[in-house]
PDB file of all heavy atoms in Angstrom:
ATOM      1  N   ALA A   1       6.397   9.427   0.782  1.00  0.00           N
ATOM      2  CA  ALA A   1       6.053  10.110   1.987  1.00  0.00           C
ATOM      3  C   ALA A   1       4.984   9.370   2.649  1.00  0.00           C
ATOM      4  O   ALA A   1       3.848   9.172   1.947  1.00  0.00           O
ATOM      5  CB  ALA A   1       5.647  11.665   1.579  1.00  0.00           C
ATOM      6  N   VAL A   2       5.142   9.095   3.934  1.00  0.00           N
ATOM      7  CA  VAL A   2       4.117   8.377   4.674  1.00  0.00           C
ATOM      8  C   VAL A   2       3.015   9.355   5.106  1.00  0.00           C
ATOM      9  O   VAL A   2       1.835   8.890   5.046  1.00  0.00           O
ATOM     10  CB  VAL A   2       4.786   7.658   5.995  1.00  0.00           C
ATOM     11  CG1 VAL A   2       3.730   7.196   6.910  1.00  0.00           C
ATOM     12  CG2 VAL A   2       5.852   6.660   5.479  1.00  0.00           C
ATOM     13  N   GLY A   3       3.379  10.525   5.422  1.00  0.00           N
ATOM     14  CA  GLY A   3       2.263  11.400   5.829  1.00  0.00           C
ATOM     15  C   GLY A   3       1.675  11.108   7.269  1.00  0.00           C
ATOM     16  O   GLY A   3       2.350  10.347   7.981  1.00  0.00           O
ATOM     17  N   LYS A   4       0.563  11.821   7.368  1.00  0.00           N
ATOM     18  CA  LYS A   4      -0.076  11.544   8.791  1.00  0.00           C
ATOM     19  C   LYS A   4      -1.579  11.357   8.607  1.00  0.00           C
ATOM     20  O   LYS A   4      -2.261  11.132   9.694  1.00  0.00           O
ATOM     21  CB  LYS A   4       0.171  12.817   9.737  1.00  0.00           C
ATOM     22  CG  LYS A   4      -0.166  14.148   9.145  1.00  0.00           C
ATOM     23  CD  LYS A   4       0.267  15.184  10.181  1.00  0.00           C
ATOM     24  CE  LYS A   4       1.697  15.488  10.108  1.00  0.00           C
ATOM     25  NZ  LYS A   4       2.281  16.077   8.900  1.00  0.00           N
ATOM     26  N   SER A   5      -2.193  11.470   7.410  1.00  0.00           N
ATOM     27  CA  SER A   5      -3.458  11.290   7.351  1.00  0.00           C
ATOM     28  C   SER A   5      -4.101   9.972   7.753  1.00  0.00           C
ATOM     29  O   SER A   5      -3.426   9.057   7.417  1.00  0.00           O
ATOM     30  CB  SER A   5      -4.004  11.549   5.797  1.00  0.00           C
ATOM     31  OG  SER A   5      -3.557  10.674   4.979  1.00  0.00           O
ATOM     32  N   HIS A   6      -5.339   9.917   8.229  1.00  0.00           N
ATOM     33  CA  HIS A   6      -5.934   8.622   8.701  1.00  0.00           C
ATOM     34  C   HIS A   6      -6.132   7.782   7.293  1.00  0.00           C
ATOM     35  O   HIS A   6      -5.919   6.693   7.372  1.00  0.00           O
ATOM     36  CB  HIS A   6      -7.277   8.788   9.314  1.00  0.00           C
ATOM     37  CG  HIS A   6      -7.839   7.465   9.682  1.00  0.00           C
ATOM     38  ND1 HIS A   6      -7.399   6.634  10.708  1.00  0.00           N
ATOM     39  CD2 HIS A   6      -8.819   6.875   9.049  1.00  0.00           C
ATOM     40  CE1 HIS A   6      -8.220   5.611  10.672  1.00  0.00           C
ATOM     41  NE2 HIS A   6      -9.192   5.726   9.830  1.00  0.00           N
ATOM     42  N   ALA A   7      -6.586   8.446   6.280  1.00  0.00           N
ATOM     43  CA  ALA A   7      -6.829   7.800   4.952  1.00  0.00           C
ATOM     44  C   ALA A   7      -5.714   6.930   4.559  1.00  0.00           C
ATOM     45  O   ALA A   7      -5.936   5.811   4.155  1.00  0.00           O
ATOM     46  CB  ALA A   7      -7.273   8.760   3.919  1.00  0.00           C
ATOM     47  N   PHE A   8      -4.493   7.570   4.616  1.00  0.00           N
ATOM     48  CA  PHE A   8      -3.364   6.820   4.071  1.00  0.00           C
ATOM     49  C   PHE A   8      -2.771   5.919   5.159  1.00  0.00           C
ATOM     50  O   PHE A   8      -2.302   4.885   4.712  1.00  0.00           O
ATOM     51  CB  PHE A   8      -2.276   7.737   3.595  1.00  0.00           C
ATOM     52  CG  PHE A   8      -1.169   7.125   2.685  1.00  0.00           C
ATOM     53  CD1 PHE A   8      -1.640   6.276   1.591  1.00  0.00           C
ATOM     54  CD2 PHE A   8       0.155   7.157   3.016  1.00  0.00           C
ATOM     55  CE1 PHE A   8      -0.757   5.657   0.806  1.00  0.00           C
ATOM     56  CE2 PHE A   8       1.024   6.487   2.292  1.00  0.00           C
ATOM     57  CZ  PHE A   8       0.725   5.809   1.177  1.00  0.00           C
ATOM     58  N   GLN A   9      -2.797   6.286   6.398  1.00  0.00           N
ATOM     59  CA  GLN A   9      -2.310   5.457   7.493  1.00  0.00           C
ATOM     60  C   GLN A   9      -3.058   4.093   7.554  1.00  0.00           C
ATOM     61  O   GLN A   9      -2.441   3.067   7.803  1.00  0.00           O
ATOM     62  CB  GLN A   9      -2.405   6.105   8.840  1.00  0.00           C
ATOM     63  CG  GLN A   9      -1.484   7.238   8.941  1.00  0.00           C
ATOM     64  CD  GLN A   9      -0.076   7.051   8.752  1.00  0.00           C
ATOM     65  OE1 GLN A   9       0.471   6.040   9.326  1.00  0.00           O
ATOM     66  NE2 GLN A   9       0.633   7.844   7.978  1.00  0.00           N
ATOM     67  N   SER A  10      -4.274   4.053   7.238  1.00  0.00           N
ATOM     68  CA  SER A  10      -5.171   2.761   7.266  1.00  0.00           C
ATOM     69  C   SER A  10      -4.575   1.860   6.170  1.00  0.00           C
ATOM     70  O   SER A  10      -4.589   0.691   6.279  1.00  0.00           O
ATOM     71  CB  SER A  10      -6.679   3.049   7.205  1.00  0.00           C
ATOM     72  OG  SER A  10      -6.957   3.689   5.959  1.00  0.00           O
ATOM     73  N   VAL A  11      -4.348   2.513   4.950  1.00  0.00           N
ATOM     74  CA  VAL A  11      -3.741   1.797   3.754  1.00  0.00           C
ATOM     75  C   VAL A  11      -2.475   1.087   4.260  1.00  0.00           C
ATOM     76  O   VAL A  11      -2.181  -0.109   4.013  1.00  0.00           O
ATOM     77  CB  VAL A  11      -3.614   2.617   2.599  1.00  0.00           C
ATOM     78  CG1 VAL A  11      -2.987   1.796   1.419  1.00  0.00           C
ATOM     79  CG2 VAL A  11      -4.944   3.192   2.214  1.00  0.00           C
ATOM     80  N   LEU A  12      -1.571   1.959   4.904  1.00  0.00           N
ATOM     81  CA  LEU A  12      -0.201   1.363   5.199  1.00  0.00           C
ATOM     82  C   LEU A  12      -0.388   0.218   6.259  1.00  0.00           C
ATOM     83  O   LEU A  12       0.449  -0.715   6.256  1.00  0.00           O
ATOM     84  CB  LEU A  12       0.648   2.555   5.941  1.00  0.00           C
ATOM     85  CG  LEU A  12       0.996   3.686   4.905  1.00  0.00           C
ATOM     86  CD1 LEU A  12       1.750   4.667   5.661  1.00  0.00           C
ATOM     87  CD2 LEU A  12       1.791   3.175   3.687  1.00  0.00           C
ATOM     88  N   LYS A  13      -1.314   0.225   7.145  1.00  0.00           N
ATOM     89  CA  LYS A  13      -1.629  -0.791   8.039  1.00  0.00           C
ATOM     90  C   LYS A  13      -1.952  -2.027   7.407  1.00  0.00           C
ATOM     91  O   LYS A  13      -1.477  -3.165   7.656  1.00  0.00           O
ATOM     92  CB  LYS A  13      -2.634  -0.424   9.156  1.00  0.00           C
ATOM     93  CG  LYS A  13      -2.032   0.636  10.199  1.00  0.00           C
ATOM     94  CD  LYS A  13      -3.088   0.982  11.184  1.00  0.00           C
ATOM     95  CE  LYS A  13      -2.711   2.110  12.001  1.00  0.00           C
ATOM     96  NZ  LYS A  13      -3.708   2.558  12.948  1.00  0.00           N
ATOM     97  N   ARG A  14      -2.757  -1.822   6.352  1.00  0.00           N
ATOM     98  CA  ARG A  14      -3.269  -3.144   5.606  1.00  0.00           C
ATOM     99  C   ARG A  14      -2.147  -3.663   4.833  1.00  0.00           C
ATOM    100  O   ARG A  14      -1.908  -4.905   4.643  1.00  0.00           O
ATOM    101  CB  ARG A  14      -4.471  -2.812   4.638  1.00  0.00           C
ATOM    102  CG  ARG A  14      -5.711  -2.844   5.328  1.00  0.00           C
ATOM    103  CD  ARG A  14      -6.947  -2.524   4.376  1.00  0.00           C
ATOM    104  NE  ARG A  14      -6.931  -3.623   3.328  1.00  0.00           N
ATOM    105  CZ  ARG A  14      -7.606  -4.685   3.507  1.00  0.00           C
ATOM    106  NH1 ARG A  14      -8.015  -5.141   4.713  1.00  0.00           N
ATOM    107  NH2 ARG A  14      -7.564  -5.605   2.537  1.00  0.00           N
ATOM    108  N   ALA A  15      -1.284  -2.788   4.236  1.00  0.00           N
ATOM    109  CA  ALA A  15      -0.202  -3.253   3.475  1.00  0.00           C
ATOM    110  C   ALA A  15       0.955  -3.964   4.347  1.00  0.00           C
ATOM    111  O   ALA A  15       1.458  -4.989   3.846  1.00  0.00           O
ATOM    112  CB  ALA A  15       0.434  -1.965   2.694  1.00  0.00           C
ATOM    113  N   GLU A  16       0.982  -3.476   5.478  1.00  0.00           N
ATOM    114  CA  GLU A  16       2.100  -4.175   6.439  1.00  0.00           C
ATOM    115  C   GLU A  16       1.668  -5.563   6.772  1.00  0.00           C
ATOM    116  O   GLU A  16       2.577  -6.432   6.755  1.00  0.00           O
ATOM    117  CB  GLU A  16       2.206  -3.249   7.630  1.00  0.00           C
ATOM    118  CG  GLU A  16       3.229  -3.834   8.668  1.00  0.00           C
ATOM    119  CD  GLU A  16       3.518  -2.895   9.894  1.00  0.00           C
ATOM    120  OE1 GLU A  16       2.635  -2.011  10.039  1.00  0.00           O
ATOM    121  OE2 GLU A  16       4.445  -3.147  10.459  1.00  0.00           O
ATOM    122  N   LYS A  17       0.305  -5.909   6.835  1.00  0.00           N
ATOM    123  CA  LYS A  17      -0.079  -7.230   7.114  1.00  0.00           C
ATOM    124  C   LYS A  17       0.172  -8.133   5.980  1.00  0.00           C
ATOM    125  O   LYS A  17       0.522  -9.250   6.101  1.00  0.00           O
ATOM    126  CB  LYS A  17      -1.673  -7.192   7.296  1.00  0.00           C
ATOM    127  CG  LYS A  17      -2.000  -6.489   8.645  1.00  0.00           C
ATOM    128  CD  LYS A  17      -3.591  -6.397   8.828  1.00  0.00           C
ATOM    129  CE  LYS A  17      -3.901  -5.630  10.080  1.00  0.00           C
ATOM    130  NZ  LYS A  17      -5.414  -5.566  10.375  1.00  0.00           N
ATOM    131  N   ALA A  18       0.118  -7.517   4.703  1.00  0.00           N
ATOM    132  CA  ALA A  18       0.370  -8.341   3.569  1.00  0.00           C
ATOM    133  C   ALA A  18       1.938  -8.714   3.425  1.00  0.00           C
ATOM    134  O   ALA A  18       2.162  -9.708   2.661  1.00  0.00           O
ATOM    135  CB  ALA A  18      -0.139  -7.571   2.399  1.00  0.00           C
ATOM    136  N   VAL A  19       2.748  -7.927   4.011  1.00  0.00           N
ATOM    137  CA  VAL A  19       4.108  -8.136   3.860  1.00  0.00           C
ATOM    138  C   VAL A  19       4.604  -9.578   4.418  1.00  0.00           C
ATOM    139  O   VAL A  19       5.378 -10.184   3.967  1.00  0.00           O
ATOM    140  CB  VAL A  19       4.892  -7.070   4.554  1.00  0.00           C
ATOM    141  CG1 VAL A  19       6.422  -7.480   4.762  1.00  0.00           C
ATOM    142  CG2 VAL A  19       4.867  -5.828   3.816  1.00  0.00           C
ATOM    143  N   HIS A  20       3.759 -10.091   5.470  1.00  0.00           N
ATOM    144  CA  HIS A  20       4.169 -11.263   6.086  1.00  0.00           C
ATOM    145  C   HIS A  20       3.581 -12.598   5.416  1.00  0.00           C
ATOM    146  O   HIS A  20       3.527 -13.576   5.969  1.00  0.00           O
ATOM    147  CB  HIS A  20       3.724 -11.190   7.571  1.00  0.00           C
ATOM    148  CG  HIS A  20       4.299 -10.108   8.281  1.00  0.00           C
ATOM    149  ND1 HIS A  20       5.691  -9.877   8.523  1.00  0.00           N
ATOM    150  CD2 HIS A  20       3.738  -8.891   8.635  1.00  0.00           C
ATOM    151  CE1 HIS A  20       5.964  -8.736   9.140  1.00  0.00           C
ATOM    152  NE2 HIS A  20       4.868  -8.075   9.247  1.00  0.00           N
ATOM    153  N   SER A  21       3.022 -12.416   4.266  1.00  0.00           N
ATOM    154  CA  SER A  21       2.470 -13.564   3.426  1.00  0.00           C
ATOM    155  C   SER A  21       2.675 -13.301   2.060  1.00  0.00           C
ATOM    156  O   SER A  21       3.192 -12.245   1.619  1.00  0.00           O
ATOM    157  CB  SER A  21       0.926 -13.685   3.815  1.00  0.00           C
ATOM    158  OG  SER A  21       0.162 -12.610   3.179  1.00  0.00           O
ATOM    159  N   SER A  22       2.242 -14.243   1.165  1.00  0.00           N
ATOM    160  CA  SER A  22       2.357 -14.141  -0.230  1.00  0.00           C
ATOM    161  C   SER A  22       0.914 -13.996  -0.941  1.00  0.00           C
ATOM    162  O   SER A  22       0.790 -14.294  -2.043  1.00  0.00           O
ATOM    163  CB  SER A  22       3.036 -15.551  -0.778  1.00  0.00           C
ATOM    164  OG  SER A  22       2.196 -16.605  -0.434  1.00  0.00           O
ATOM    165  N   VAL A  23       0.064 -13.469  -0.062  1.00  0.00           N
ATOM    166  CA  VAL A  23      -1.333 -13.202  -0.590  1.00  0.00           C
ATOM    167  C   VAL A  23      -1.353 -12.270  -1.863  1.00  0.00           C
ATOM    168  O   VAL A  23      -0.561 -11.382  -1.997  1.00  0.00           O
ATOM    169  CB  VAL A  23      -2.097 -12.496   0.526  1.00  0.00           C
ATOM    170  CG1 VAL A  23      -1.646 -11.088   0.710  1.00  0.00           C
ATOM    171  CG2 VAL A  23      -3.565 -12.419   0.191  1.00  0.00           C
ATOM    172  N   THR A  24      -2.260 -12.730  -2.816  1.00  0.00           N
ATOM    173  CA  THR A  24      -2.457 -11.969  -4.004  1.00  0.00           C
ATOM    174  C   THR A  24      -3.060 -10.586  -3.712  1.00  0.00           C
ATOM    175  O   THR A  24      -4.115 -10.565  -2.942  1.00  0.00           O
ATOM    176  CB  THR A  24      -3.365 -12.589  -5.062  1.00  0.00           C
ATOM    177  OG1 THR A  24      -2.594 -13.915  -5.390  1.00  0.00           O
ATOM    178  CG2 THR A  24      -3.426 -11.856  -6.251  1.00  0.00           C
ATOM    179  N   ILE A  25      -2.598  -9.446  -4.193  1.00  0.00           N
ATOM    180  CA  ILE A  25      -3.111  -8.236  -3.841  1.00  0.00           C
ATOM    181  C   ILE A  25      -3.508  -7.463  -5.129  1.00  0.00           C
ATOM    182  O   ILE A  25      -2.972  -7.535  -6.195  1.00  0.00           O
ATOM    183  CB  ILE A  25      -1.830  -7.299  -3.203  1.00  0.00           C
ATOM    184  CG1 ILE A  25      -1.386  -7.959  -1.894  1.00  0.00           C
ATOM    185  CG2 ILE A  25      -2.301  -5.999  -2.904  1.00  0.00           C
ATOM    186  CD1 ILE A  25       0.025  -7.438  -1.380  1.00  0.00           C
ATOM    187  N   HIS A  26      -4.713  -6.682  -4.877  1.00  0.00           N
ATOM    188  CA  HIS A  26      -5.170  -5.848  -5.972  1.00  0.00           C
ATOM    189  C   HIS A  26      -5.237  -4.383  -5.404  1.00  0.00           C
ATOM    190  O   HIS A  26      -5.830  -4.141  -4.330  1.00  0.00           O
ATOM    191  CB  HIS A  26      -6.622  -6.201  -6.316  1.00  0.00           C
ATOM    192  CG  HIS A  26      -7.076  -5.271  -7.460  1.00  0.00           C
ATOM    193  ND1 HIS A  26      -6.605  -5.321  -8.764  1.00  0.00           N
ATOM    194  CD2 HIS A  26      -8.005  -4.310  -7.370  1.00  0.00           C
ATOM    195  CE1 HIS A  26      -7.278  -4.377  -9.351  1.00  0.00           C
ATOM    196  NE2 HIS A  26      -8.157  -3.738  -8.693  1.00  0.00           N
ATOM    197  N   ILE A  27      -4.625  -3.427  -6.077  1.00  0.00           N
ATOM    198  CA  ILE A  27      -4.493  -2.026  -5.595  1.00  0.00           C
ATOM    199  C   ILE A  27      -5.297  -1.183  -6.538  1.00  0.00           C
ATOM    200  O   ILE A  27      -5.065  -1.265  -7.802  1.00  0.00           O
ATOM    201  CB  ILE A  27      -3.008  -1.582  -5.686  1.00  0.00           C
ATOM    202  CG1 ILE A  27      -2.122  -2.552  -4.883  1.00  0.00           C
ATOM    203  CG2 ILE A  27      -2.928  -0.190  -5.102  1.00  0.00           C
ATOM    204  CD1 ILE A  27      -0.585  -2.111  -5.003  1.00  0.00           C
ATOM    205  N   SER A  28      -6.325  -0.504  -6.014  1.00  0.00           N
ATOM    206  CA  SER A  28      -7.159   0.288  -6.817  1.00  0.00           C
ATOM    207  C   SER A  28      -6.937   1.817  -6.420  1.00  0.00           C
ATOM    208  O   SER A  28      -6.352   2.053  -5.383  1.00  0.00           O
ATOM    209  CB  SER A  28      -8.621   0.022  -6.503  1.00  0.00           C
ATOM    210  OG  SER A  28      -9.009   0.107  -5.117  1.00  0.00           O
ATOM    211  N   GLY A  29      -7.265   2.611  -7.263  1.00  0.00           N
ATOM    212  CA  GLY A  29      -7.060   4.055  -6.948  1.00  0.00           C
ATOM    213  C   GLY A  29      -6.982   4.847  -8.283  1.00  0.00           C
ATOM    214  O   GLY A  29      -6.719   4.288  -9.379  1.00  0.00           O
ATOM    215  N   GLU A  30      -7.275   6.257  -8.245  1.00  0.00           N
ATOM    216  CA  GLU A  30      -7.164   7.001  -9.326  1.00  0.00           C
ATOM    217  C   GLU A  30      -5.803   7.083  -9.918  1.00  0.00           C
ATOM    218  O   GLU A  30      -4.880   6.686  -9.262  1.00  0.00           O
ATOM    219  CB  GLU A  30      -7.678   8.569  -9.034  1.00  0.00           C
ATOM    220  CG  GLU A  30      -9.023   8.477  -8.591  1.00  0.00           C
ATOM    221  CD  GLU A  30      -9.564   9.918  -8.085  1.00  0.00           C
ATOM    222  OE1 GLU A  30      -8.791  10.894  -8.300  1.00  0.00           O
ATOM    223  OE2 GLU A  30     -10.644  10.079  -7.587  1.00  0.00           O
ATOM    224  N   THR A  31      -5.674   7.620 -11.134  1.00  0.00           N
ATOM    225  CA  THR A  31      -4.395   7.689 -11.803  1.00  0.00           C
ATOM    226  C   THR A  31      -3.485   8.758 -10.973  1.00  0.00           C
ATOM    227  O   THR A  31      -4.022   9.728 -10.580  1.00  0.00           O
ATOM    228  CB  THR A  31      -4.502   8.218 -13.182  1.00  0.00           C
ATOM    229  OG1 THR A  31      -5.288   7.316 -14.033  1.00  0.00           O
ATOM    230  CG2 THR A  31      -3.203   8.490 -13.837  1.00  0.00           C
ATOM    231  N   GLY A  32      -2.319   8.331 -10.725  1.00  0.00           N
ATOM    232  CA  GLY A  32      -1.411   9.223 -10.086  1.00  0.00           C
ATOM    233  C   GLY A  32      -1.429   9.093  -8.534  1.00  0.00           C
ATOM    234  O   GLY A  32      -0.812   9.969  -7.849  1.00  0.00           O
ATOM    235  N   THR A  33      -1.949   8.035  -7.972  1.00  0.00           N
ATOM    236  CA  THR A  33      -2.086   8.059  -6.467  1.00  0.00           C
ATOM    237  C   THR A  33      -0.879   7.148  -5.900  1.00  0.00           C
ATOM    238  O   THR A  33      -0.843   7.201  -4.572  1.00  0.00           O
ATOM    239  CB  THR A  33      -3.474   7.311  -6.050  1.00  0.00           C
ATOM    240  OG1 THR A  33      -3.650   6.166  -6.840  1.00  0.00           O
ATOM    241  CG2 THR A  33      -4.501   8.354  -6.329  1.00  0.00           C
ATOM    242  N   GLY A  34      -0.062   6.642  -6.687  1.00  0.00           N
ATOM    243  CA  GLY A  34       1.062   5.882  -6.164  1.00  0.00           C
ATOM    244  C   GLY A  34       0.946   4.342  -6.094  1.00  0.00           C
ATOM    245  O   GLY A  34       1.494   3.759  -5.222  1.00  0.00           O
ATOM    246  N   LYS A  35       0.002   3.641  -7.111  1.00  0.00           N
ATOM    247  CA  LYS A  35      -0.230   2.304  -6.933  1.00  0.00           C
ATOM    248  C   LYS A  35       1.025   1.441  -7.174  1.00  0.00           C
ATOM    249  O   LYS A  35       1.416   0.482  -6.480  1.00  0.00           O
ATOM    250  CB  LYS A  35      -1.322   1.983  -7.989  1.00  0.00           C
ATOM    251  CG  LYS A  35      -2.636   2.658  -7.759  1.00  0.00           C
ATOM    252  CD  LYS A  35      -3.641   2.110  -8.580  1.00  0.00           C
ATOM    253  CE  LYS A  35      -3.501   2.594 -10.061  1.00  0.00           C
ATOM    254  NZ  LYS A  35      -3.793   4.091 -10.172  1.00  0.00           N
ATOM    255  N   GLU A  36       1.976   1.903  -8.157  1.00  0.00           N
ATOM    256  CA  GLU A  36       3.110   1.100  -8.429  1.00  0.00           C
ATOM    257  C   GLU A  36       4.200   1.309  -7.278  1.00  0.00           C
ATOM    258  O   GLU A  36       4.917   0.361  -6.917  1.00  0.00           O
ATOM    259  CB  GLU A  36       3.813   1.539  -9.696  1.00  0.00           C
ATOM    260  CG  GLU A  36       5.110   0.660 -10.053  1.00  0.00           C
ATOM    261  CD  GLU A  36       5.581   0.768 -11.474  1.00  0.00           C
ATOM    262  OE1 GLU A  36       4.864   1.430 -12.333  1.00  0.00           O
ATOM    263  OE2 GLU A  36       6.665   0.274 -11.741  1.00  0.00           O
ATOM    264  N   VAL A  37       4.183   2.408  -6.639  1.00  0.00           N
ATOM    265  CA  VAL A  37       5.003   2.614  -5.492  1.00  0.00           C
ATOM    266  C   VAL A  37       4.680   1.807  -4.402  1.00  0.00           C
ATOM    267  O   VAL A  37       5.553   1.210  -3.688  1.00  0.00           O
ATOM    268  CB  VAL A  37       5.014   4.220  -4.993  1.00  0.00           C
ATOM    269  CG1 VAL A  37       5.950   4.377  -3.770  1.00  0.00           C
ATOM    270  CG2 VAL A  37       5.503   5.100  -6.139  1.00  0.00           C
ATOM    271  N   MET A  38       3.356   1.604  -4.198  1.00  0.00           N
ATOM    272  CA  MET A  38       2.952   0.825  -3.051  1.00  0.00           C
ATOM    273  C   MET A  38       3.402  -0.788  -3.312  1.00  0.00           C
ATOM    274  O   MET A  38       3.782  -1.478  -2.565  1.00  0.00           O
ATOM    275  CB  MET A  38       1.397   0.814  -2.891  1.00  0.00           C
ATOM    276  CG  MET A  38       0.768  -0.217  -1.989  1.00  0.00           C
ATOM    277  SD  MET A  38       1.543   0.155  -0.302  1.00  0.00           S
ATOM    278  CE  MET A  38       0.567   1.340   0.239  1.00  0.00           C
ATOM    279  N   ALA A  39       3.164  -1.080  -4.728  1.00  0.00           N
ATOM    280  CA  ALA A  39       3.556  -2.453  -5.073  1.00  0.00           C
ATOM    281  C   ALA A  39       4.980  -2.787  -4.863  1.00  0.00           C
ATOM    282  O   ALA A  39       5.409  -3.835  -4.299  1.00  0.00           O
ATOM    283  CB  ALA A  39       3.084  -2.730  -6.448  1.00  0.00           C
ATOM    284  N   ARG A  40       5.892  -1.796  -5.240  1.00  0.00           N
ATOM    285  CA  ARG A  40       7.206  -1.850  -5.087  1.00  0.00           C
ATOM    286  C   ARG A  40       7.630  -1.975  -3.685  1.00  0.00           C
ATOM    287  O   ARG A  40       8.497  -2.845  -3.218  1.00  0.00           O
ATOM    288  CB  ARG A  40       7.948  -0.846  -5.863  1.00  0.00           C
ATOM    289  CG  ARG A  40       9.364  -0.652  -5.533  1.00  0.00           C
ATOM    290  CD  ARG A  40      10.270  -1.723  -6.242  1.00  0.00           C
ATOM    291  NE  ARG A  40      10.376  -1.342  -7.690  1.00  0.00           N
ATOM    292  CZ  ARG A  40      11.245  -2.025  -8.467  1.00  0.00           C
ATOM    293  NH1 ARG A  40      12.047  -3.107  -7.962  1.00  0.00           N
ATOM    294  NH2 ARG A  40      11.280  -1.927  -9.772  1.00  0.00           N
ATOM    295  N   SER A  41       7.013  -1.234  -2.826  1.00  0.00           N
ATOM    296  CA  SER A  41       7.240  -1.091  -1.375  1.00  0.00           C
ATOM    297  C   SER A  41       6.909  -2.443  -0.744  1.00  0.00           C
ATOM    298  O   SER A  41       7.752  -2.995   0.055  1.00  0.00           O
ATOM    299  CB  SER A  41       6.491  -0.056  -0.670  1.00  0.00           C
ATOM    300  OG  SER A  41       6.896   1.243  -1.277  1.00  0.00           O
ATOM    301  N   ILE A  42       5.883  -3.132  -1.139  1.00  0.00           N
ATOM    302  CA  ILE A  42       5.342  -4.448  -0.469  1.00  0.00           C
ATOM    303  C   ILE A  42       6.430  -5.443  -0.916  1.00  0.00           C
ATOM    304  O   ILE A  42       6.892  -6.256  -0.086  1.00  0.00           O
ATOM    305  CB  ILE A  42       3.981  -4.831  -0.897  1.00  0.00           C
ATOM    306  CG1 ILE A  42       2.959  -3.805  -0.325  1.00  0.00           C
ATOM    307  CG2 ILE A  42       3.726  -6.294  -0.624  1.00  0.00           C
ATOM    308  CD1 ILE A  42       1.621  -4.072  -0.893  1.00  0.00           C
ATOM    309  N   HIS A  43       6.868  -5.318  -2.218  1.00  0.00           N
ATOM    310  CA  HIS A  43       7.825  -6.404  -2.683  1.00  0.00           C
ATOM    311  C   HIS A  43       9.129  -6.259  -1.932  1.00  0.00           C
ATOM    312  O   HIS A  43       9.750  -7.242  -1.494  1.00  0.00           O
ATOM    313  CB  HIS A  43       8.003  -6.209  -4.132  1.00  0.00           C
ATOM    314  CG  HIS A  43       9.338  -6.941  -4.714  1.00  0.00           C
ATOM    315  ND1 HIS A  43       9.242  -8.277  -4.925  1.00  0.00           N
ATOM    316  CD2 HIS A  43      10.529  -6.492  -5.007  1.00  0.00           C
ATOM    317  CE1 HIS A  43      10.529  -8.673  -5.415  1.00  0.00           C
ATOM    318  NE2 HIS A  43      11.260  -7.576  -5.405  1.00  0.00           N
ATOM    319  N   ASP A  44       9.662  -5.018  -1.917  1.00  0.00           N
ATOM    320  CA  ASP A  44      11.030  -4.816  -1.246  1.00  0.00           C
ATOM    321  C   ASP A  44      11.040  -5.153   0.145  1.00  0.00           C
ATOM    322  O   ASP A  44      12.041  -5.521   0.701  1.00  0.00           O
ATOM    323  CB  ASP A  44      11.412  -3.387  -1.565  1.00  0.00           C
ATOM    324  CG  ASP A  44      11.914  -3.107  -2.910  1.00  0.00           C
ATOM    325  OD1 ASP A  44      11.989  -4.134  -3.806  1.00  0.00           O
ATOM    326  OD2 ASP A  44      12.139  -1.872  -3.338  1.00  0.00           O
TER     327      ASP A  44
END
């Protein structure tokens, strides 16, 4: 779910920039926030 919150929209914008390169990424966040979903989304 993309949602509409600014907190998550800013993360999506940063992630979108990473899609166009092979830069090494580190995803931080509390347990259950969707870190693997983000990693898989960037890969796909």
